[in-house]
Structures are given as C-alpha cells and as structure tokens.
Amino acid sequence: MGKLDDILELIKEGARTSKEIAERLEISAEEVEGIIKILESLGYVEKIEIGESCGSCPLKKICPGSCIIFKGNIYQMKK
C-alpha cells in the first residue's frame, strides 16, 4: 500500500490532523500536508476550516482549528 492509500485509510478511520497522521505513519507533517493536497485535488478529502458550525462541535475544546474529512468514494479494479 502506498502513502496516499495509507493516509486516506487513516482519514477514513477518523484521523483528523496532519500531525496525528504523521505520528502514526512516522513521517513528517510536511509530507502528510503534501499528500493531503494531492488527495484534495483528486476529490477524496476536504479540509474544513474553523467556522460557525464549530461552536456546537463537541471537539471544539481540543480542535486545532481545522480538520480533514473523507469526501470521496474509493473504487478498486476487479481482477
């Protein structure tokens, strides 16, 4: 599995920050940010910045100000 797949899988499992993903994969946060930008451009994820709806979020006290959510569908080639 490649790094794009690994990061996408972690996001699907609930990882929400570049720092968390970097720690779990033992790679730099900068590398994670670059891969996330690729995943964003492909439509698989989107970055959510702090906004009005954050006021009612139960995680607002521990939120770093933005998070990444899984947005797309994953397709696999049949063998």
N, C-alpha and C. Protein backbone atom coordinates (compact mmCIF):
# COMPACT_ATOMS: atom_id res chain seq x y z
N MET A 1 0.85 -1.17 0.00
CA MET A 1 0.00 0.00 0.00
C MET A 1 0.90 1.24 0.00
N GLY A 2 0.58 2.25 -0.81
CA GLY A 2 1.36 3.47 -0.89
C GLY A 2 0.96 4.47 0.17
N LYS A 3 1.74 5.53 0.27
CA LYS A 3 1.47 6.54 1.29
C LYS A 3 0.12 7.22 1.09
N LEU A 4 -0.28 7.46 -0.16
CA LEU A 4 -1.60 8.05 -0.41
C LEU A 4 -2.68 7.16 0.18
N ASP A 5 -2.58 5.86 -0.10
CA ASP A 5 -3.57 4.91 0.42
C ASP A 5 -3.54 4.85 1.95
N ASP A 6 -2.33 4.86 2.51
CA ASP A 6 -2.21 4.80 3.97
C ASP A 6 -2.87 6.01 4.63
N ILE A 7 -2.61 7.19 4.09
CA ILE A 7 -3.17 8.41 4.66
C ILE A 7 -4.68 8.44 4.47
N LEU A 8 -5.15 8.05 3.31
CA LEU A 8 -6.59 8.02 3.06
C LEU A 8 -7.27 7.05 4.02
N GLU A 9 -6.66 5.92 4.27
CA GLU A 9 -7.23 4.94 5.19
C GLU A 9 -7.30 5.50 6.61
N LEU A 10 -6.25 6.19 7.05
CA LEU A 10 -6.27 6.79 8.39
C LEU A 10 -7.35 7.86 8.51
N ILE A 11 -7.53 8.64 7.45
CA ILE A 11 -8.59 9.66 7.47
C ILE A 11 -9.95 8.99 7.55
N LYS A 12 -10.14 7.93 6.79
CA LYS A 12 -11.41 7.19 6.85
C LYS A 12 -11.65 6.62 8.24
N GLU A 13 -10.57 6.24 8.94
CA GLU A 13 -10.69 5.66 10.28
C GLU A 13 -10.88 6.72 11.36
N GLY A 14 -10.75 8.01 10.98
CA GLY A 14 -11.02 9.05 11.95
C GLY A 14 -9.87 10.00 12.27
N ALA A 15 -8.68 9.78 11.71
CA ALA A 15 -7.58 10.72 11.92
C ALA A 15 -7.98 12.05 11.29
N ARG A 16 -7.79 13.15 11.99
CA ARG A 16 -8.29 14.43 11.51
C ARG A 16 -7.23 15.51 11.33
N THR A 17 -6.01 15.27 11.78
CA THR A 17 -4.98 16.30 11.64
C THR A 17 -3.73 15.72 10.99
N SER A 18 -2.98 16.60 10.33
CA SER A 18 -1.73 16.18 9.70
C SER A 18 -0.75 15.66 10.73
N LYS A 19 -0.72 16.31 11.89
CA LYS A 19 0.20 15.89 12.96
C LYS A 19 -0.12 14.47 13.42
N GLU A 20 -1.38 14.18 13.63
CA GLU A 20 -1.79 12.84 14.07
C GLU A 20 -1.40 11.79 13.03
N ILE A 21 -1.66 12.09 11.77
CA ILE A 21 -1.34 11.16 10.68
C ILE A 21 0.17 10.95 10.60
N ALA A 22 0.92 12.05 10.69
CA ALA A 22 2.39 11.97 10.61
C ALA A 22 2.95 11.09 11.73
N GLU A 23 2.44 11.26 12.94
CA GLU A 23 2.90 10.46 14.07
C GLU A 23 2.60 8.99 13.87
N ARG A 24 1.41 8.69 13.37
CA ARG A 24 1.01 7.29 13.20
C ARG A 24 1.80 6.60 12.09
N LEU A 25 2.18 7.36 11.05
CA LEU A 25 2.92 6.77 9.93
C LEU A 25 4.43 6.98 10.04
N GLU A 26 4.84 7.72 11.08
CA GLU A 26 6.25 8.03 11.31
C GLU A 26 6.90 8.70 10.09
N ILE A 27 6.19 9.72 9.58
CA ILE A 27 6.71 10.56 8.50
C ILE A 27 6.51 12.01 8.92
N SER A 28 7.07 12.95 8.17
CA SER A 28 6.97 14.36 8.54
C SER A 28 5.56 14.90 8.27
N ALA A 29 5.19 15.91 9.06
CA ALA A 29 3.90 16.57 8.86
C ALA A 29 3.87 17.28 7.51
N GLU A 30 5.01 17.77 7.05
CA GLU A 30 5.09 18.43 5.74
C GLU A 30 4.75 17.45 4.62
N GLU A 31 5.26 16.23 4.73
CA GLU A 31 4.96 15.21 3.72
C GLU A 31 3.48 14.87 3.73
N VAL A 32 2.91 14.77 4.92
CA VAL A 32 1.48 14.49 5.04
C VAL A 32 0.67 15.62 4.39
N GLU A 33 1.04 16.87 4.66
CA GLU A 33 0.33 18.02 4.07
C GLU A 33 0.37 17.95 2.55
N GLY A 34 1.52 17.60 1.98
CA GLY A 34 1.63 17.48 0.53
C GLY A 34 0.73 16.39 -0.03
N ILE A 35 0.69 15.27 0.64
CA ILE A 35 -0.15 14.16 0.19
C ILE A 35 -1.63 14.53 0.34
N ILE A 36 -1.97 15.22 1.41
CA ILE A 36 -3.36 15.65 1.60
C ILE A 36 -3.77 16.60 0.48
N LYS A 37 -2.89 17.48 0.06
CA LYS A 37 -3.19 18.38 -1.06
C LYS A 37 -3.48 17.59 -2.33
N ILE A 38 -2.74 16.53 -2.55
CA ILE A 38 -2.99 15.65 -3.71
C ILE A 38 -4.36 15.01 -3.56
N LEU A 39 -4.66 14.48 -2.38
CA LEU A 39 -5.97 13.84 -2.15
C LEU A 39 -7.11 14.84 -2.30
N GLU A 40 -6.88 16.09 -1.88
CA GLU A 40 -7.89 17.15 -2.07
C GLU A 40 -8.13 17.40 -3.55
N SER A 41 -7.04 17.50 -4.32
CA SER A 41 -7.18 17.78 -5.75
C SER A 41 -7.89 16.66 -6.49
N LEU A 42 -7.78 15.45 -5.96
CA LEU A 42 -8.45 14.29 -6.56
C LEU A 42 -9.89 14.14 -6.06
N GLY A 43 -10.28 14.96 -5.07
CA GLY A 43 -11.65 14.93 -4.57
C GLY A 43 -11.92 13.90 -3.49
N TYR A 44 -10.87 13.31 -2.92
CA TYR A 44 -11.08 12.29 -1.89
C TYR A 44 -11.30 12.87 -0.50
N VAL A 45 -10.71 14.02 -0.22
CA VAL A 45 -10.84 14.63 1.10
C VAL A 45 -11.09 16.12 0.93
N GLU A 46 -11.55 16.75 2.00
CA GLU A 46 -11.62 18.20 2.01
C GLU A 46 -11.20 18.69 3.38
N LYS A 47 -10.57 19.84 3.39
CA LYS A 47 -10.12 20.44 4.64
C LYS A 47 -11.20 21.40 5.12
N ILE A 48 -11.59 21.26 6.35
CA ILE A 48 -12.62 22.09 6.96
C ILE A 48 -11.94 23.07 7.91
N GLU A 49 -12.12 24.35 7.63
CA GLU A 49 -11.55 25.39 8.50
C GLU A 49 -12.56 25.73 9.58
N ILE A 50 -12.09 26.32 10.65
CA ILE A 50 -12.97 26.72 11.74
C ILE A 50 -14.05 27.66 11.21
N GLY A 51 -15.26 27.44 11.62
CA GLY A 51 -16.38 28.23 11.13
C GLY A 51 -17.50 28.32 12.14
N GLU A 52 -18.65 28.81 11.70
CA GLU A 52 -19.80 29.00 12.58
C GLU A 52 -20.28 27.68 13.18
N SER A 53 -20.26 26.61 12.40
CA SER A 53 -20.77 25.33 12.88
C SER A 53 -19.88 24.71 13.95
N CYS A 54 -18.66 25.21 14.07
CA CYS A 54 -17.73 24.66 15.06
C CYS A 54 -18.18 24.95 16.49
N GLY A 55 -19.00 25.98 16.68
CA GLY A 55 -19.45 26.34 18.02
C GLY A 55 -20.21 25.24 18.72
N SER A 56 -20.89 24.38 17.97
CA SER A 56 -21.67 23.31 18.58
C SER A 56 -20.94 21.96 18.53
N CYS A 57 -19.73 21.95 18.02
CA CYS A 57 -18.98 20.69 17.90
C CYS A 57 -18.46 20.25 19.27
N PRO A 58 -18.65 18.98 19.61
CA PRO A 58 -18.18 18.51 20.92
C PRO A 58 -16.64 18.47 21.03
N LEU A 59 -15.94 18.59 19.91
CA LEU A 59 -14.48 18.53 19.94
C LEU A 59 -13.84 19.91 19.91
N LYS A 60 -14.62 20.97 20.00
CA LYS A 60 -14.09 22.33 19.82
C LYS A 60 -13.01 22.69 20.84
N LYS A 61 -13.04 22.10 22.02
CA LYS A 61 -12.04 22.42 23.04
C LYS A 61 -10.66 21.84 22.71
N ILE A 62 -10.63 20.79 21.92
CA ILE A 62 -9.35 20.17 21.58
C ILE A 62 -8.99 20.31 20.11
N CYS A 63 -9.82 20.98 19.34
CA CYS A 63 -9.63 21.13 17.89
C CYS A 63 -8.48 22.08 17.60
N PRO A 64 -7.62 21.72 16.65
CA PRO A 64 -6.51 22.61 16.29
C PRO A 64 -6.93 23.75 15.36
N GLY A 65 -8.18 23.81 14.95
CA GLY A 65 -8.65 24.90 14.10
C GLY A 65 -9.03 24.46 12.71
N SER A 66 -8.68 23.28 12.33
CA SER A 66 -9.10 22.74 11.05
C SER A 66 -9.00 21.23 11.12
N CYS A 67 -9.71 20.56 10.25
CA CYS A 67 -9.62 19.11 10.22
C CYS A 67 -9.83 18.63 8.79
N ILE A 68 -9.57 17.38 8.57
CA ILE A 68 -9.66 16.78 7.25
C ILE A 68 -10.72 15.70 7.31
N ILE A 69 -11.64 15.70 6.34
CA ILE A 69 -12.67 14.68 6.33
C ILE A 69 -12.64 13.93 5.01
N PHE A 70 -12.99 12.67 5.05
CA PHE A 70 -13.11 11.84 3.87
C PHE A 70 -14.32 12.29 3.09
N LYS A 71 -14.16 12.47 1.79
CA LYS A 71 -15.23 13.04 0.99
C LYS A 71 -15.63 12.14 -0.18
N GLY A 72 -14.70 11.39 -0.70
CA GLY A 72 -14.94 10.68 -1.95
C GLY A 72 -15.32 9.24 -1.78
N ASN A 73 -15.35 8.57 -2.88
CA ASN A 73 -15.58 7.13 -2.92
C ASN A 73 -14.30 6.47 -3.43
N ILE A 74 -14.05 5.29 -2.96
CA ILE A 74 -12.86 4.57 -3.39
C ILE A 74 -13.32 3.39 -4.24
N TYR A 75 -12.70 3.27 -5.38
CA TYR A 75 -13.01 2.17 -6.28
C TYR A 75 -11.77 1.32 -6.45
N GLN A 76 -11.98 0.05 -6.61
CA GLN A 76 -10.86 -0.86 -6.80
C GLN A 76 -11.10 -1.64 -8.09
N MET A 77 -10.04 -1.88 -8.82
CA MET A 77 -10.14 -2.65 -10.07
C MET A 77 -10.44 -4.10 -9.74
N LYS A 78 -11.33 -4.70 -10.52
CA LYS A 78 -11.61 -6.13 -10.37
C LYS A 78 -10.47 -6.90 -11.02
N LYS A 79 -10.16 -8.02 -10.46
CA LYS A 79 -9.08 -8.85 -11.02
C LYS A 79 -9.64 -9.80 -12.02
